């Protein structure tokens, strides 16, 4: 799956709507926020602050999250996701990002609150 504009949260208002009204799904060093999108496909936004590390490290974390999203996007309901990386996120790697999004997928599919 390609990660084009239709699969991304692009505007600050979209990020804020998910952060304020979304469901929190804690997954270790990645916090996943989910909110019903009202669209036909899931979308992703990634937030990595400078506390996580240098630009190289922040971009690496974002690439991991985007790749993990590509792997599980077909199985996700139509939700907007915002993934917030915490300071330990560089230690989790691609497998940790994939685990976090799979846990979010399972929690959303199960409907458990």
C-alpha atoms as a PDB file:
ATOM      1  CA  UNK A   1       0.000   0.000   0.000  1.00  0.00           C
ATOM      2  CA  UNK A   2       1.274   3.435  -0.908  1.00  0.00           C
ATOM      3  CA  UNK A   3       1.372   6.146   1.743  1.00  0.00           C
ATOM      4  CA  UNK A   4      -0.152   8.954  -0.322  1.00  0.00           C
ATOM      5  CA  UNK A   5      -2.048  12.059   0.753  1.00  0.00           C
ATOM      6  CA  UNK A   6      -5.308  10.157   1.163  1.00  0.00           C
ATOM      7  CA  UNK A   7      -3.679   7.995   3.862  1.00  0.00           C
ATOM      8  CA  UNK A   8      -2.232  10.908   5.887  1.00  0.00           C
ATOM      9  CA  UNK A   9      -3.468  13.453   8.350  1.00  0.00           C
ATOM     10  CA  UNK A  10      -2.324  16.710   6.806  1.00  0.00           C
ATOM     11  CA  UNK A  11      -3.722  19.604   8.828  1.00  0.00           C
ATOM     12  CA  UNK A  12      -3.116  20.656  12.397  1.00  0.00           C
ATOM     13  CA  UNK A  13      -6.866  20.597  13.043  1.00  0.00           C
ATOM     14  CA  UNK A  14      -7.038  16.938  12.061  1.00  0.00           C
ATOM     15  CA  UNK A  15      -4.255  16.080  14.516  1.00  0.00           C
ATOM     16  CA  UNK A  16      -5.917  18.095  17.282  1.00  0.00           C
ATOM     17  CA  UNK A  17      -9.315  16.480  16.687  1.00  0.00           C
ATOM     18  CA  UNK A  18      -7.794  13.024  17.137  1.00  0.00           C
ATOM     19  CA  UNK A  19      -5.725  14.093  20.144  1.00  0.00           C
ATOM     20  CA  UNK A  20      -8.671  15.718  21.913  1.00  0.00           C
ATOM     21  CA  UNK A  21     -11.450  13.306  21.031  1.00  0.00           C
ATOM     22  CA  UNK A  22      -9.609  10.103  20.297  1.00  0.00           C
ATOM     23  CA  UNK A  23      -9.207   6.903  22.201  1.00  0.00           C
ATOM     24  CA  UNK A  24      -5.799   6.350  23.816  1.00  0.00           C
ATOM     25  CA  UNK A  25      -4.090   3.046  23.172  1.00  0.00           C
ATOM     26  CA  UNK A  26      -0.847   2.755  25.104  1.00  0.00           C
ATOM     27  CA  UNK A  27       1.810   0.617  23.457  1.00  0.00           C
ATOM     28  CA  UNK A  28       5.092   1.088  25.277  1.00  0.00           C
ATOM     29  CA  UNK A  29       7.154   3.888  23.800  1.00  0.00           C
ATOM     30  CA  UNK A  30       4.497   4.711  21.213  1.00  0.00           C
ATOM     31  CA  UNK A  31       1.146   6.206  22.124  1.00  0.00           C
ATOM     32  CA  UNK A  32      -1.555   5.514  19.549  1.00  0.00           C
ATOM     33  CA  UNK A  33      -4.628   7.755  19.479  1.00  0.00           C
ATOM     34  CA  UNK A  34      -7.594   6.638  17.388  1.00  0.00           C
ATOM     35  CA  UNK A  35     -10.767   8.414  16.341  1.00  0.00           C
ATOM     36  CA  UNK A  36     -13.505   7.420  13.901  1.00  0.00           C
ATOM     37  CA  UNK A  37     -12.610   8.967  10.566  1.00  0.00           C
ATOM     38  CA  UNK A  38     -15.989   9.005   8.875  1.00  0.00           C
ATOM     39  CA  UNK A  39     -14.140   8.048   5.690  1.00  0.00           C
ATOM     40  CA  UNK A  40     -13.619   4.821   3.818  1.00  0.00           C
ATOM     41  CA  UNK A  41     -10.000   4.175   4.815  1.00  0.00           C
ATOM     42  CA  UNK A  42      -7.654   4.614   7.784  1.00  0.00           C
ATOM     43  CA  UNK A  43      -5.339   7.627   7.912  1.00  0.00           C
ATOM     44  CA  UNK A  44      -2.141   8.163   9.885  1.00  0.00           C
ATOM     45  CA  UNK A  45      -0.383  11.092  11.483  1.00  0.00           C
ATOM     46  CA  UNK A  46       2.960  10.778  13.261  1.00  0.00           C
ATOM     47  CA  UNK A  47       4.327  13.119  15.908  1.00  0.00           C
ATOM     48  CA  UNK A  48       7.951  12.848  17.003  1.00  0.00           C
ATOM     49  CA  UNK A  49       9.296  15.669  19.163  1.00  0.00           C
ATOM     50  CA  UNK A  50      12.888  16.800  19.390  1.00  0.00           C
ATOM     51  CA  UNK A  51      13.085  15.104  22.817  1.00  0.00           C
ATOM     52  CA  UNK A  52      13.284  11.794  20.962  1.00  0.00           C
ATOM     53  CA  UNK A  53      16.589  12.637  19.321  1.00  0.00           C
ATOM     54  CA  UNK A  54      18.281  14.283  16.383  1.00  0.00           C
ATOM     55  CA  UNK A  55      16.551  14.809  13.031  1.00  0.00           C
ATOM     56  CA  UNK A  56      18.056  11.583  11.716  1.00  0.00           C
ATOM     57  CA  UNK A  57      16.610   9.575  14.601  1.00  0.00           C
ATOM     58  CA  UNK A  58      13.212  11.311  14.441  1.00  0.00           C
ATOM     59  CA  UNK A  59      12.922  10.605  10.731  1.00  0.00           C
ATOM     60  CA  UNK A  60      13.920   6.976  11.288  1.00  0.00           C
ATOM     61  CA  UNK A  61      11.139   6.580  13.880  1.00  0.00           C
ATOM     62  CA  UNK A  62       8.630   8.134  11.457  1.00  0.00           C
ATOM     63  CA  UNK A  63       9.717   5.743   8.696  1.00  0.00           C
ATOM     64  CA  UNK A  64       9.239   2.773  11.032  1.00  0.00           C
ATOM     65  CA  UNK A  65       5.747   3.913  11.982  1.00  0.00           C
ATOM     66  CA  UNK A  66       4.745   4.531   8.352  1.00  0.00           C
ATOM     67  CA  UNK A  67       6.039   1.107   7.298  1.00  0.00           C
ATOM     68  CA  UNK A  68       4.182  -0.573  10.173  1.00  0.00           C
ATOM     69  CA  UNK A  69       1.025   1.312   9.150  1.00  0.00           C
ATOM     70  CA  UNK A  70       1.373   0.025   5.584  1.00  0.00           C
ATOM     71  CA  UNK A  71       1.505  -3.525   6.959  1.00  0.00           C
ATOM     72  CA  UNK A  72      -1.696  -3.284   9.019  1.00  0.00           C
ATOM     73  CA  UNK A  73      -3.708  -0.641   7.124  1.00  0.00           C
ATOM     74  CA  UNK A  74      -5.768  -3.202   5.208  1.00  0.00           C
ATOM     75  CA  UNK A  75      -6.925  -4.722   8.511  1.00  0.00           C
ATOM     76  CA  UNK A  76      -7.749  -1.428  10.247  1.00  0.00           C
ATOM     77  CA  UNK A  77     -11.248   0.017  10.445  1.00  0.00           C
ATOM     78  CA  UNK A  78     -11.679   3.503   8.909  1.00  0.00           C
ATOM     79  CA  UNK A  79     -10.078   5.502  11.726  1.00  0.00           C
ATOM     80  CA  UNK A  80      -7.719   8.423  12.029  1.00  0.00           C
ATOM     81  CA  UNK A  81      -4.597   7.415  13.953  1.00  0.00           C
ATOM     82  CA  UNK A  82      -2.041   9.681  15.538  1.00  0.00           C
ATOM     83  CA  UNK A  83       1.106   7.973  16.773  1.00  0.00           C
ATOM     84  CA  UNK A  84       3.101   9.949  19.322  1.00  0.00           C
ATOM     85  CA  UNK A  85       6.657   8.750  19.865  1.00  0.00           C
ATOM     86  CA  UNK A  86       8.051   8.982  23.371  1.00  0.00           C
ATOM     87  CA  UNK A  87      11.703   9.442  24.233  1.00  0.00           C
ATOM     88  CA  UNK A  88      12.433   5.692  24.164  1.00  0.00           C
ATOM     89  CA  UNK A  89      10.949   5.182  20.702  1.00  0.00           C
ATOM     90  CA  UNK A  90      14.315   4.785  18.904  1.00  0.00           C
ATOM     91  CA  UNK A  91      14.938   1.629  20.950  1.00  0.00           C
ATOM     92  CA  UNK A  92      11.775  -0.174  19.759  1.00  0.00           C
ATOM     93  CA  UNK A  93      12.657  -0.348  16.066  1.00  0.00           C
ATOM     94  CA  UNK A  94      10.378  -1.423  13.271  1.00  0.00           C
ATOM     95  CA  UNK A  95       9.198  -4.496  15.178  1.00  0.00           C
ATOM     96  CA  UNK A  96       8.077  -2.335  18.112  1.00  0.00           C
ATOM     97  CA  UNK A  97       6.176   0.014  15.812  1.00  0.00           C
ATOM     98  CA  UNK A  98       4.510  -2.949  14.138  1.00  0.00           C
ATOM     99  CA  UNK A  99       3.596  -4.439  17.518  1.00  0.00           C
ATOM    100  CA  UNK A 100       2.078  -1.117  18.643  1.00  0.00           C
ATOM    101  CA  UNK A 101      -0.089  -0.778  15.544  1.00  0.00           C
ATOM    102  CA  UNK A 102      -1.144  -4.433  15.674  1.00  0.00           C
ATOM    103  CA  UNK A 103      -2.191  -3.946  19.310  1.00  0.00           C
ATOM    104  CA  UNK A 104      -4.160  -0.851  18.271  1.00  0.00           C
ATOM    105  CA  UNK A 105      -5.779  -2.827  15.449  1.00  0.00           C
ATOM    106  CA  UNK A 106      -6.785  -5.583  17.855  1.00  0.00           C
ATOM    107  CA  UNK A 107      -8.148  -3.121  20.414  1.00  0.00           C
ATOM    108  CA  UNK A 108     -10.167  -1.296  17.767  1.00  0.00           C
ATOM    109  CA  UNK A 109     -11.495  -4.520  16.266  1.00  0.00           C
ATOM    110  CA  UNK A 110     -12.427  -5.872  19.672  1.00  0.00           C
ATOM    111  CA  UNK A 111     -14.209  -2.698  20.656  1.00  0.00           C
ATOM    112  CA  UNK A 112     -12.901  -3.031  24.224  1.00  0.00           C
ATOM    113  CA  UNK A 113     -12.688   0.259  26.083  1.00  0.00           C
END
